[in-house]
All heavy atoms as atom14 arrays in JSON, in Angstrom:
{
  "sequence": "CYTNHKATLKYIKTETQKHGNVCSMLNYDGTIAYEDFITATEDFDLKY",
  "atom14_mask": [
    [1, 1, 1, 1, 1, 1, 0, 0, 0, 0, 0, 0, 0, 0],
    [1, 1, 1, 1, 1, 1, 1, 1, 1, 1, 1, 1, 0, 0],
    [1, 1, 1, 1, 1, 1, 1, 0, 0, 0, 0, 0, 0, 0],
    [1, 1, 1, 1, 1, 1, 1, 1, 0, 0, 0, 0, 0, 0],
    [1, 1, 1, 1, 1, 1, 1, 1, 1, 1, 0, 0, 0, 0],
    [1, 1, 1, 1, 1, 1, 1, 1, 1, 0, 0, 0, 0, 0],
    [1, 1, 1, 1, 1, 0, 0, 0, 0, 0, 0, 0, 0, 0],
    [1, 1, 1, 1, 1, 1, 1, 0, 0, 0, 0, 0, 0, 0],
    [1, 1, 1, 1, 1, 1, 1, 1, 0, 0, 0, 0, 0, 0],
    [1, 1, 1, 1, 1, 1, 1, 1, 1, 0, 0, 0, 0, 0],
    [1, 1, 1, 1, 1, 1, 1, 1, 1, 1, 1, 1, 0, 0],
    [1, 1, 1, 1, 1, 1, 1, 1, 0, 0, 0, 0, 0, 0],
    [1, 1, 1, 1, 1, 1, 1, 1, 1, 0, 0, 0, 0, 0],
    [1, 1, 1, 1, 1, 1, 1, 0, 0, 0, 0, 0, 0, 0],
    [1, 1, 1, 1, 1, 1, 1, 1, 1, 0, 0, 0, 0, 0],
    [1, 1, 1, 1, 1, 1, 1, 0, 0, 0, 0, 0, 0, 0],
    [1, 1, 1, 1, 1, 1, 1, 1, 1, 0, 0, 0, 0, 0],
    [1, 1, 1, 1, 1, 1, 1, 1, 1, 0, 0, 0, 0, 0],
    [1, 1, 1, 1, 1, 1, 1, 1, 1, 1, 0, 0, 0, 0],
    [1, 1, 1, 1, 0, 0, 0, 0, 0, 0, 0, 0, 0, 0],
    [1, 1, 1, 1, 1, 1, 1, 1, 0, 0, 0, 0, 0, 0],
    [1, 1, 1, 1, 1, 1, 1, 0, 0, 0, 0, 0, 0, 0],
    [1, 1, 1, 1, 1, 1, 0, 0, 0, 0, 0, 0, 0, 0],
    [1, 1, 1, 1, 1, 1, 0, 0, 0, 0, 0, 0, 0, 0],
    [1, 1, 1, 1, 1, 1, 1, 1, 0, 0, 0, 0, 0, 0],
    [1, 1, 1, 1, 1, 1, 1, 1, 0, 0, 0, 0, 0, 0],
    [1, 1, 1, 1, 1, 1, 1, 1, 0, 0, 0, 0, 0, 0],
    [1, 1, 1, 1, 1, 1, 1, 1, 1, 1, 1, 1, 0, 0],
    [1, 1, 1, 1, 1, 1, 1, 1, 0, 0, 0, 0, 0, 0],
    [1, 1, 1, 1, 0, 0, 0, 0, 0, 0, 0, 0, 0, 0],
    [1, 1, 1, 1, 1, 1, 1, 0, 0, 0, 0, 0, 0, 0],
    [1, 1, 1, 1, 1, 1, 1, 1, 0, 0, 0, 0, 0, 0],
    [1, 1, 1, 1, 1, 0, 0, 0, 0, 0, 0, 0, 0, 0],
    [1, 1, 1, 1, 1, 1, 1, 1, 1, 1, 1, 1, 0, 0],
    [1, 1, 1, 1, 1, 1, 1, 1, 1, 0, 0, 0, 0, 0],
    [1, 1, 1, 1, 1, 1, 1, 1, 0, 0, 0, 0, 0, 0],
    [1, 1, 1, 1, 1, 1, 1, 1, 1, 1, 1, 0, 0, 0],
    [1, 1, 1, 1, 1, 1, 1, 1, 0, 0, 0, 0, 0, 0],
    [1, 1, 1, 1, 1, 1, 1, 0, 0, 0, 0, 0, 0, 0],
    [1, 1, 1, 1, 1, 0, 0, 0, 0, 0, 0, 0, 0, 0],
    [1, 1, 1, 1, 1, 1, 1, 0, 0, 0, 0, 0, 0, 0],
    [1, 1, 1, 1, 1, 1, 1, 1, 1, 0, 0, 0, 0, 0],
    [1, 1, 1, 1, 1, 1, 1, 1, 0, 0, 0, 0, 0, 0],
    [1, 1, 1, 1, 1, 1, 1, 1, 1, 1, 1, 0, 0, 0],
    [1, 1, 1, 1, 1, 1, 1, 1, 0, 0, 0, 0, 0, 0],
    [1, 1, 1, 1, 1, 1, 1, 1, 0, 0, 0, 0, 0, 0],
    [1, 1, 1, 1, 1, 1, 1, 1, 1, 0, 0, 0, 0, 0],
    [1, 1, 1, 1, 1, 1, 1, 1, 1, 1, 1, 1, 0, 0]
  ],
  "atom14_positions": [
    [[-60.47, -137.19, 270.18], [-61.06, -138.5, 270.51], [-61.31, -139.33, 269.24], [-61.06, -140.54, 269.21], [-62.36, -138.32, 271.29], [-62.12, -137.7, 272.98], [0.0, 0.0, 0.0], [0.0, 0.0, 0.0], [0.0, 0.0, 0.0], [0.0, 0.0, 0.0], [0.0, 0.0, 0.0], [0.0, 0.0, 0.0], [0.0, 0.0, 0.0], [0.0, 0.0, 0.0]],
    [[-61.79, -138.67, 268.19], [-62.06, -139.36, 266.93], [-60.77, -139.89, 266.32], [-60.69, -141.04, 265.86], [-62.76, -138.41, 265.95], [-62.98, -139.0, 264.57], [-63.96, -139.96, 264.36], [-62.19, -138.61, 263.5], [-64.16, -140.51, 263.11], [-62.37, -139.15, 262.25], [-63.36, -140.11, 262.05], [-63.55, -140.66, 260.81], [0.0, 0.0, 0.0], [0.0, 0.0, 0.0]],
    [[-59.72, -139.06, 266.34], [-58.43, -139.48, 265.78], [-57.84, -140.64, 266.57], [-57.36, -141.62, 265.99], [-57.45, -138.3, 265.79], [-58.03, -137.2, 265.09], [-56.13, -138.68, 265.12], [0.0, 0.0, 0.0], [0.0, 0.0, 0.0], [0.0, 0.0, 0.0], [0.0, 0.0, 0.0], [0.0, 0.0, 0.0], [0.0, 0.0, 0.0], [0.0, 0.0, 0.0]],
    [[-57.87, -140.54, 267.9], [-57.33, -141.61, 268.75], [-58.11, -142.9, 268.61], [-57.56, -144.0, 268.67], [-57.31, -141.17, 270.21], [-56.26, -140.12, 270.49], [-55.35, -139.95, 269.69], [-56.38, -139.42, 271.6], [0.0, 0.0, 0.0], [0.0, 0.0, 0.0], [0.0, 0.0, 0.0], [0.0, 0.0, 0.0], [0.0, 0.0, 0.0], [0.0, 0.0, 0.0]],
    [[-59.43, -142.77, 268.41], [-60.27, -143.96, 268.27], [-59.87, -144.74, 267.02], [-59.76, -145.97, 267.05], [-61.73, -143.55, 268.2], [-62.68, -144.71, 268.05], [-62.84, -145.66, 269.04], [-63.49, -145.08, 267.02], [-63.73, -146.56, 268.63], [-64.13, -146.22, 267.4], [0.0, 0.0, 0.0], [0.0, 0.0, 0.0], [0.0, 0.0, 0.0], [0.0, 0.0, 0.0]],
    [[-59.65, -144.02, 265.92], [-59.24, -144.69, 264.68], [-57.88, -145.38, 264.86], [-57.68, -146.51, 264.41], [-59.17, -143.68, 263.54], [-60.54, -143.18, 263.09], [-60.39, -142.21, 261.93], [-59.83, -142.9, 260.71], [-59.75, -141.99, 259.55], [0.0, 0.0, 0.0], [0.0, 0.0, 0.0], [0.0, 0.0, 0.0], [0.0, 0.0, 0.0], [0.0, 0.0, 0.0]],
    [[-56.94, -144.7, 265.51], [-55.62, -145.27, 265.71], [-55.67, -146.49, 266.62], [-55.01, -147.5, 266.37], [-54.68, -144.22, 266.31], [0.0, 0.0, 0.0], [0.0, 0.0, 0.0], [0.0, 0.0, 0.0], [0.0, 0.0, 0.0], [0.0, 0.0, 0.0], [0.0, 0.0, 0.0], [0.0, 0.0, 0.0], [0.0, 0.0, 0.0], [0.0, 0.0, 0.0]],
    [[-56.5, -146.41, 267.66], [-56.62, -147.53, 268.6], [-57.21, -148.76, 267.92], [-56.74, -149.89, 268.13], [-57.5, -147.13, 269.8], [-56.93, -145.99, 270.43], [-57.61, -148.27, 270.8], [0.0, 0.0, 0.0], [0.0, 0.0, 0.0], [0.0, 0.0, 0.0], [0.0, 0.0, 0.0], [0.0, 0.0, 0.0], [0.0, 0.0, 0.0], [0.0, 0.0, 0.0]],
    [[-58.23, -148.57, 267.09], [-58.83, -149.69, 266.37], [-57.81, -150.39, 265.48], [-57.78, -151.61, 265.36], [-60.01, -149.21, 265.53], [-61.28, -148.82, 266.31], [-62.34, -148.29, 265.34], [-61.82, -150.01, 267.08], [0.0, 0.0, 0.0], [0.0, 0.0, 0.0], [0.0, 0.0, 0.0], [0.0, 0.0, 0.0], [0.0, 0.0, 0.0], [0.0, 0.0, 0.0]],
    [[-56.94, -149.6, 264.87], [-55.93, -150.16, 263.98], [-54.95, -151.04, 264.76], [-54.56, -152.11, 264.3], [-55.17, -149.02, 263.3], [-54.08, -149.49, 262.34], [-53.41, -148.3, 261.68], [-52.3, -148.76, 260.75], [-51.62, -147.6, 260.09], [0.0, 0.0, 0.0], [0.0, 0.0, 0.0], [0.0, 0.0, 0.0], [0.0, 0.0, 0.0], [0.0, 0.0, 0.0]],
    [[-54.55, -150.61, 265.96], [-53.6, -151.37, 266.75], [-54.25, -152.58, 267.4], [-53.61, -153.63, 267.57], [-52.99, -150.48, 267.83], [-51.95, -149.53, 267.31], [-52.12, -148.15, 267.44], [-50.78, -149.99, 266.72], [-51.18, -147.26, 266.97], [-49.84, -149.12, 266.24], [-50.03, -147.76, 266.36], [-49.07, -146.9, 265.9], [0.0, 0.0, 0.0], [0.0, 0.0, 0.0]],
    [[-55.5, -152.44, 267.8], [-56.17, -153.54, 268.49], [-56.27, -154.78, 267.6], [-56.27, -155.91, 268.07], [-57.57, -153.1, 268.98], [-57.42, -152.18, 270.18], [-58.46, -154.27, 269.34], [-58.71, -151.63, 270.73], [0.0, 0.0, 0.0], [0.0, 0.0, 0.0], [0.0, 0.0, 0.0], [0.0, 0.0, 0.0], [0.0, 0.0, 0.0], [0.0, 0.0, 0.0]],
    [[-56.34, -154.59, 266.31], [-56.42, -155.72, 265.38], [-55.21, -156.63, 265.51], [-55.31, -157.83, 265.29], [-56.54, -155.21, 263.94], [-57.86, -154.51, 263.65], [-57.9, -154.02, 262.21], [-59.22, -153.3, 261.91], [-59.27, -152.78, 260.52], [0.0, 0.0, 0.0], [0.0, 0.0, 0.0], [0.0, 0.0, 0.0], [0.0, 0.0, 0.0], [0.0, 0.0, 0.0]],
    [[-54.06, -156.05, 265.83], [-52.84, -156.85, 265.92], [-52.53, -157.28, 267.34], [-51.59, -158.02, 267.58], [-51.64, -156.05, 265.38], [-51.51, -154.87, 266.15], [-51.86, -155.68, 263.93], [0.0, 0.0, 0.0], [0.0, 0.0, 0.0], [0.0, 0.0, 0.0], [0.0, 0.0, 0.0], [0.0, 0.0, 0.0], [0.0, 0.0, 0.0], [0.0, 0.0, 0.0]],
    [[-53.28, -156.8, 268.33], [-53.04, -157.13, 269.74], [-54.12, -158.11, 270.2], [-55.29, -157.78, 270.26], [-53.07, -155.87, 270.59], [-52.63, -156.09, 272.01], [-51.16, -156.41, 272.1], [-50.44, -156.15, 271.13], [-50.75, -156.93, 273.14], [0.0, 0.0, 0.0], [0.0, 0.0, 0.0], [0.0, 0.0, 0.0], [0.0, 0.0, 0.0], [0.0, 0.0, 0.0]],
    [[-53.74, -159.33, 270.51], [-54.73, -160.35, 270.84], [-55.06, -160.4, 272.33], [-56.13, -160.84, 272.71], [-54.21, -161.73, 270.41], [-52.95, -161.96, 271.03], [-54.03, -161.79, 268.9], [0.0, 0.0, 0.0], [0.0, 0.0, 0.0], [0.0, 0.0, 0.0], [0.0, 0.0, 0.0], [0.0, 0.0, 0.0], [0.0, 0.0, 0.0], [0.0, 0.0, 0.0]],
    [[-54.12, -159.98, 273.18], [-54.36, -160.01, 274.61], [-54.12, -158.64, 275.2], [-53.15, -157.98, 274.86], [-53.41, -161.0, 275.32], [-53.69, -162.45, 274.92], [-52.75, -163.38, 275.67], [-51.74, -162.95, 276.18], [-53.09, -164.64, 275.72], [0.0, 0.0, 0.0], [0.0, 0.0, 0.0], [0.0, 0.0, 0.0], [0.0, 0.0, 0.0], [0.0, 0.0, 0.0]],
    [[-55.02, -158.22, 276.07], [-54.86, -156.91, 276.7], [-53.62, -156.88, 277.59], [-52.88, -155.92, 277.62], [-56.1, -156.57, 277.53], [-55.97, -155.23, 278.25], [-57.22, -154.89, 279.0], [-57.08, -153.55, 279.71], [-58.26, -153.17, 280.45], [0.0, 0.0, 0.0], [0.0, 0.0, 0.0], [0.0, 0.0, 0.0], [0.0, 0.0, 0.0], [0.0, 0.0, 0.0]],
    [[-53.38, -157.96, 278.32], [-52.28, -157.99, 279.26], [-51.16, -158.85, 278.69], [-50.74, -159.85, 279.27], [-52.73, -158.54, 280.62], [-53.86, -157.75, 281.19], [-53.7, -156.48, 281.68], [-55.18, -158.04, 281.34], [-54.86, -156.02, 282.12], [-55.76, -156.95, 281.91], [0.0, 0.0, 0.0], [0.0, 0.0, 0.0], [0.0, 0.0, 0.0], [0.0, 0.0, 0.0]],
    [[-50.65, -158.5, 277.54], [-49.55, -159.21, 276.94], [-48.23, -158.73, 277.48], [-48.13, -158.2, 278.56], [0.0, 0.0, 0.0], [0.0, 0.0, 0.0], [0.0, 0.0, 0.0], [0.0, 0.0, 0.0], [0.0, 0.0, 0.0], [0.0, 0.0, 0.0], [0.0, 0.0, 0.0], [0.0, 0.0, 0.0], [0.0, 0.0, 0.0], [0.0, 0.0, 0.0]],
    [[-47.18, -158.89, 276.65], [-45.85, -158.46, 277.06], [-45.8, -156.95, 277.19], [-46.27, -156.23, 276.35], [-44.83, -158.96, 276.03], [-43.43, -158.61, 276.44], [-42.97, -157.5, 276.17], [-42.75, -159.53, 277.08], [0.0, 0.0, 0.0], [0.0, 0.0, 0.0], [0.0, 0.0, 0.0], [0.0, 0.0, 0.0], [0.0, 0.0, 0.0], [0.0, 0.0, 0.0]],
    [[-45.2, -156.46, 278.28], [-45.19, -155.03, 278.55], [-44.43, -154.27, 277.47], [-44.79, -153.17, 277.09], [-44.57, -154.75, 279.93], [-44.36, -153.25, 280.14], [-45.48, -155.28, 281.02], [0.0, 0.0, 0.0], [0.0, 0.0, 0.0], [0.0, 0.0, 0.0], [0.0, 0.0, 0.0], [0.0, 0.0, 0.0], [0.0, 0.0, 0.0], [0.0, 0.0, 0.0]],
    [[-43.34, -154.87, 276.97], [-42.56, -154.19, 275.94], [-43.42, -153.89, 274.72], [-43.43, -152.78, 274.21], [-41.38, -155.07, 275.52], [-39.95, -154.93, 276.6], [0.0, 0.0, 0.0], [0.0, 0.0, 0.0], [0.0, 0.0, 0.0], [0.0, 0.0, 0.0], [0.0, 0.0, 0.0], [0.0, 0.0, 0.0], [0.0, 0.0, 0.0], [0.0, 0.0, 0.0]],
    [[-44.16, -154.88, 274.23], [-44.96, -154.66, 273.04], [-46.08, -153.66, 273.32], [-46.42, -152.85, 272.47], [-45.57, -155.99, 272.56], [-46.45, -156.51, 273.54], [0.0, 0.0, 0.0], [0.0, 0.0, 0.0], [0.0, 0.0, 0.0], [0.0, 0.0, 0.0], [0.0, 0.0, 0.0], [0.0, 0.0, 0.0], [0.0, 0.0, 0.0], [0.0, 0.0, 0.0]],
    [[-46.65, -153.7, 274.53], [-47.71, -152.75, 274.85], [-47.18, -151.32, 274.85], [-47.78, -150.42, 274.29], [-48.32, -153.07, 276.22], [-49.25, -154.26, 276.2], [-50.33, -154.25, 277.63], [-49.13, -154.35, 278.93], [0.0, 0.0, 0.0], [0.0, 0.0, 0.0], [0.0, 0.0, 0.0], [0.0, 0.0, 0.0], [0.0, 0.0, 0.0], [0.0, 0.0, 0.0]],
    [[-46.03, -151.13, 275.48], [-45.5, -149.77, 275.55], [-45.04, -149.29, 274.18], [-45.05, -148.11, 273.9], [-44.33, -149.72, 276.54], [-44.74, -149.82, 278.01], [-43.51, -149.83, 278.89], [-45.63, -148.66, 278.4], [0.0, 0.0, 0.0], [0.0, 0.0, 0.0], [0.0, 0.0, 0.0], [0.0, 0.0, 0.0], [0.0, 0.0, 0.0], [0.0, 0.0, 0.0]],
    [[-44.63, -150.22, 273.33], [-44.17, -149.82, 272.0], [-45.32, -149.4, 271.1], [-45.18, -148.51, 270.28], [-43.4, -150.98, 271.34], [-42.01, -151.14, 271.93], [-41.49, -150.21, 272.5], [-41.45, -152.32, 271.79], [0.0, 0.0, 0.0], [0.0, 0.0, 0.0], [0.0, 0.0, 0.0], [0.0, 0.0, 0.0], [0.0, 0.0, 0.0], [0.0, 0.0, 0.0]],
    [[-46.47, -150.07, 271.25], [-47.54, -149.72, 270.3], [-48.52, -148.71, 270.88], [-49.07, -147.89, 270.15], [-48.27, -150.99, 269.83], [-49.46, -151.42, 270.67], [-50.72, -150.85, 270.47], [-49.32, -152.38, 271.65], [-51.81, -151.24, 271.24], [-50.39, -152.78, 272.4], [-51.64, -152.2, 272.2], [-52.69, -152.59, 272.94], [0.0, 0.0, 0.0], [0.0, 0.0, 0.0]],
    [[-48.77, -148.77, 272.18], [-49.76, -147.85, 272.74], [-49.59, -147.81, 274.25], [-49.85, -148.79, 274.94], [-51.17, -148.33, 272.39], [-52.24, -147.35, 272.88], [-51.87, -146.35, 273.5], [-53.42, -147.59, 272.63], [0.0, 0.0, 0.0], [0.0, 0.0, 0.0], [0.0, 0.0, 0.0], [0.0, 0.0, 0.0], [0.0, 0.0, 0.0], [0.0, 0.0, 0.0]],
    [[-49.16, -146.66, 274.78], [-48.93, -146.55, 276.21], [-50.19, -146.55, 277.03], [-50.13, -146.71, 278.24], [0.0, 0.0, 0.0], [0.0, 0.0, 0.0], [0.0, 0.0, 0.0], [0.0, 0.0, 0.0], [0.0, 0.0, 0.0], [0.0, 0.0, 0.0], [0.0, 0.0, 0.0], [0.0, 0.0, 0.0], [0.0, 0.0, 0.0], [0.0, 0.0, 0.0]],
    [[-51.36, -146.37, 276.4], [-52.6, -146.21, 277.16], [-52.93, -147.45, 277.97], [-53.22, -147.38, 279.15], [-53.77, -145.88, 276.22], [-53.44, -144.71, 275.48], [-55.03, -145.64, 277.02], [0.0, 0.0, 0.0], [0.0, 0.0, 0.0], [0.0, 0.0, 0.0], [0.0, 0.0, 0.0], [0.0, 0.0, 0.0], [0.0, 0.0, 0.0], [0.0, 0.0, 0.0]],
    [[-52.88, -148.62, 277.32], [-53.25, -149.85, 278.02], [-52.27, -150.12, 279.16], [-52.67, -150.45, 280.27], [-53.28, -151.04, 277.03], [-54.42, -150.84, 276.04], [-53.45, -152.34, 277.78], [-54.53, -151.95, 275.01], [0.0, 0.0, 0.0], [0.0, 0.0, 0.0], [0.0, 0.0, 0.0], [0.0, 0.0, 0.0], [0.0, 0.0, 0.0], [0.0, 0.0, 0.0]],
    [[-50.97, -149.96, 278.9], [-49.99, -150.18, 279.95], [-50.21, -149.21, 281.09], [-50.12, -149.58, 282.26], [-48.58, -150.04, 279.38], [0.0, 0.0, 0.0], [0.0, 0.0, 0.0], [0.0, 0.0, 0.0], [0.0, 0.0, 0.0], [0.0, 0.0, 0.0], [0.0, 0.0, 0.0], [0.0, 0.0, 0.0], [0.0, 0.0, 0.0], [0.0, 0.0, 0.0]],
    [[-50.5, -147.96, 280.77], [-50.71, -146.96, 281.81], [-51.88, -147.37, 282.7], [-51.79, -147.34, 283.93], [-50.97, -145.6, 281.17], [-51.32, -144.52, 282.16], [-50.32, -143.86, 282.88], [-52.64, -144.15, 282.4], [-50.63, -142.87, 283.81], [-52.96, -143.17, 283.33], [-51.95, -142.53, 284.02], [-52.26, -141.57, 284.94], [0.0, 0.0, 0.0], [0.0, 0.0, 0.0]],
    [[-52.99, -147.76, 282.1], [-54.17, -148.15, 282.87], [-53.88, -149.37, 283.74], [-54.32, -149.46, 284.88], [-55.34, -148.43, 281.93], [-55.85, -147.18, 281.21], [-56.93, -147.51, 280.2], [-57.14, -148.71, 279.93], [-57.53, -146.58, 279.66], [0.0, 0.0, 0.0], [0.0, 0.0, 0.0], [0.0, 0.0, 0.0], [0.0, 0.0, 0.0], [0.0, 0.0, 0.0]],
    [[-53.13, -150.33, 283.18], [-52.78, -151.53, 283.95], [-51.96, -151.19, 285.19], [-52.2, -151.71, 286.29], [-52.0, -152.51, 283.08], [-52.9, -153.2, 282.06], [-54.12, -153.15, 282.24], [-52.38, -153.79, 281.1], [0.0, 0.0, 0.0], [0.0, 0.0, 0.0], [0.0, 0.0, 0.0], [0.0, 0.0, 0.0], [0.0, 0.0, 0.0], [0.0, 0.0, 0.0]],
    [[-51.0, -150.32, 285.02], [-50.12, -149.97, 286.14], [-50.86, -149.13, 287.18], [-50.61, -149.27, 288.38], [-48.89, -149.23, 285.64], [-47.93, -150.12, 284.88], [-47.45, -149.74, 283.63], [-47.53, -151.32, 285.41], [-46.57, -150.56, 282.94], [-46.65, -152.15, 284.72], [-46.18, -151.76, 283.48], [0.0, 0.0, 0.0], [0.0, 0.0, 0.0], [0.0, 0.0, 0.0]],
    [[-51.74, -148.25, 286.74], [-52.53, -147.47, 287.67], [-53.42, -148.38, 288.51], [-53.56, -148.23, 289.72], [-53.39, -146.42, 286.93], [-52.49, -145.34, 286.32], [-54.4, -145.77, 287.86], [-51.71, -144.55, 287.34], [0.0, 0.0, 0.0], [0.0, 0.0, 0.0], [0.0, 0.0, 0.0], [0.0, 0.0, 0.0], [0.0, 0.0, 0.0], [0.0, 0.0, 0.0]],
    [[-54.03, -149.38, 287.86], [-54.88, -150.34, 288.56], [-54.05, -151.18, 289.54], [-54.46, -151.42, 290.68], [-55.6, -151.25, 287.57], [-56.38, -150.45, 286.67], [-56.51, -152.24, 288.29], [0.0, 0.0, 0.0], [0.0, 0.0, 0.0], [0.0, 0.0, 0.0], [0.0, 0.0, 0.0], [0.0, 0.0, 0.0], [0.0, 0.0, 0.0], [0.0, 0.0, 0.0]],
    [[-52.88, -151.64, 289.07], [-52.04, -152.52, 289.89], [-51.53, -151.83, 291.15], [-51.32, -152.48, 292.19], [-50.86, -153.03, 289.07], [0.0, 0.0, 0.0], [0.0, 0.0, 0.0], [0.0, 0.0, 0.0], [0.0, 0.0, 0.0], [0.0, 0.0, 0.0], [0.0, 0.0, 0.0], [0.0, 0.0, 0.0], [0.0, 0.0, 0.0], [0.0, 0.0, 0.0]],
    [[-51.34, -150.52, 291.08], [-50.82, -149.78, 292.24], [-51.89, -148.95, 292.95], [-51.58, -148.19, 293.87], [-49.67, -148.83, 291.82], [-50.18, -147.89, 290.85], [-48.51, -149.6, 291.22], [0.0, 0.0, 0.0], [0.0, 0.0, 0.0], [0.0, 0.0, 0.0], [0.0, 0.0, 0.0], [0.0, 0.0, 0.0], [0.0, 0.0, 0.0], [0.0, 0.0, 0.0]],
    [[-53.17, -149.13, 292.5], [-54.28, -148.33, 293.06], [-53.94, -146.84, 293.03], [-54.01, -146.14, 294.02], [-54.6, -148.8, 294.48], [-55.07, -150.25, 294.55], [-55.42, -150.68, 295.96], [-55.86, -149.82, 296.75], [-55.23, -151.87, 296.28], [0.0, 0.0, 0.0], [0.0, 0.0, 0.0], [0.0, 0.0, 0.0], [0.0, 0.0, 0.0], [0.0, 0.0, 0.0]],
    [[-53.55, -146.4, 291.83], [-53.17, -145.0, 291.59], [-52.01, -144.59, 292.5], [-52.01, -143.55, 293.12], [-54.36, -144.06, 291.79], [-54.14, -142.71, 291.13], [-53.16, -142.57, 290.37], [-54.95, -141.81, 291.37], [0.0, 0.0, 0.0], [0.0, 0.0, 0.0], [0.0, 0.0, 0.0], [0.0, 0.0, 0.0], [0.0, 0.0, 0.0], [0.0, 0.0, 0.0]],
    [[-50.98, -145.45, 292.52], [-49.74, -145.22, 293.26], [-50.02, -145.0, 294.76], [-49.55, -144.04, 295.35], [-48.97, -144.03, 292.67], [-48.46, -144.3, 291.28], [-49.12, -143.78, 290.17], [-47.33, -145.08, 291.08], [-48.66, -144.04, 288.89], [-46.87, -145.34, 289.79], [-47.53, -144.82, 288.7], [0.0, 0.0, 0.0], [0.0, 0.0, 0.0], [0.0, 0.0, 0.0]],
    [[-50.77, -145.92, 295.32], [-51.03, -145.88, 296.75], [-49.73, -146.15, 297.52], [-48.87, -146.91, 297.09], [-52.07, -146.95, 297.12], [-52.57, -146.8, 298.55], [-51.86, -147.25, 299.46], [-53.66, -146.24, 298.73], [0.0, 0.0, 0.0], [0.0, 0.0, 0.0], [0.0, 0.0, 0.0], [0.0, 0.0, 0.0], [0.0, 0.0, 0.0], [0.0, 0.0, 0.0]],
    [[-49.6, -145.51, 298.68], [-48.38, -145.58, 299.47], [-48.03, -147.01, 299.89], [-46.86, -147.33, 300.07], [-48.5, -144.69, 300.71], [-47.22, -144.44, 301.52], [-46.16, -143.77, 300.66], [-47.52, -143.61, 302.76], [0.0, 0.0, 0.0], [0.0, 0.0, 0.0], [0.0, 0.0, 0.0], [0.0, 0.0, 0.0], [0.0, 0.0, 0.0], [0.0, 0.0, 0.0]],
    [[-49.02, -147.88, 300.01], [-48.74, -149.24, 300.46], [-47.96, -150.04, 299.44], [-47.39, -151.1, 299.77], [-50.05, -149.96, 300.81], [-50.98, -150.2, 299.63], [-52.28, -150.84, 300.11], [-53.28, -151.05, 298.96], [-54.54, -151.61, 299.42], [0.0, 0.0, 0.0], [0.0, 0.0, 0.0], [0.0, 0.0, 0.0], [0.0, 0.0, 0.0], [0.0, 0.0, 0.0]],
    [[-47.91, -149.58, 298.18], [-47.12, -150.27, 297.15], [-45.74, -149.65, 297.0], [-44.94, -150.12, 296.19], [-47.85, -150.22, 295.8], [-49.16, -150.97, 295.79], [-50.37, -150.29, 295.96], [-49.19, -152.35, 295.64], [-51.58, -150.97, 295.96], [-50.39, -153.04, 295.65], [-51.59, -152.34, 295.8], [-52.78, -153.03, 295.8], [0.0, 0.0, 0.0], [0.0, 0.0, 0.0]]
  ]
}
């Protein structure tokens, strides 16, 4: 957690919007994209 926290802080400095272009999000940190997609599909609910 400590290591990931330091890495995340470093990347966040260069990322101005949480919901920016998906390509750039997946290239720098899959975590934000993963959370966005889980939220958008309600954890892959069958209705989606």
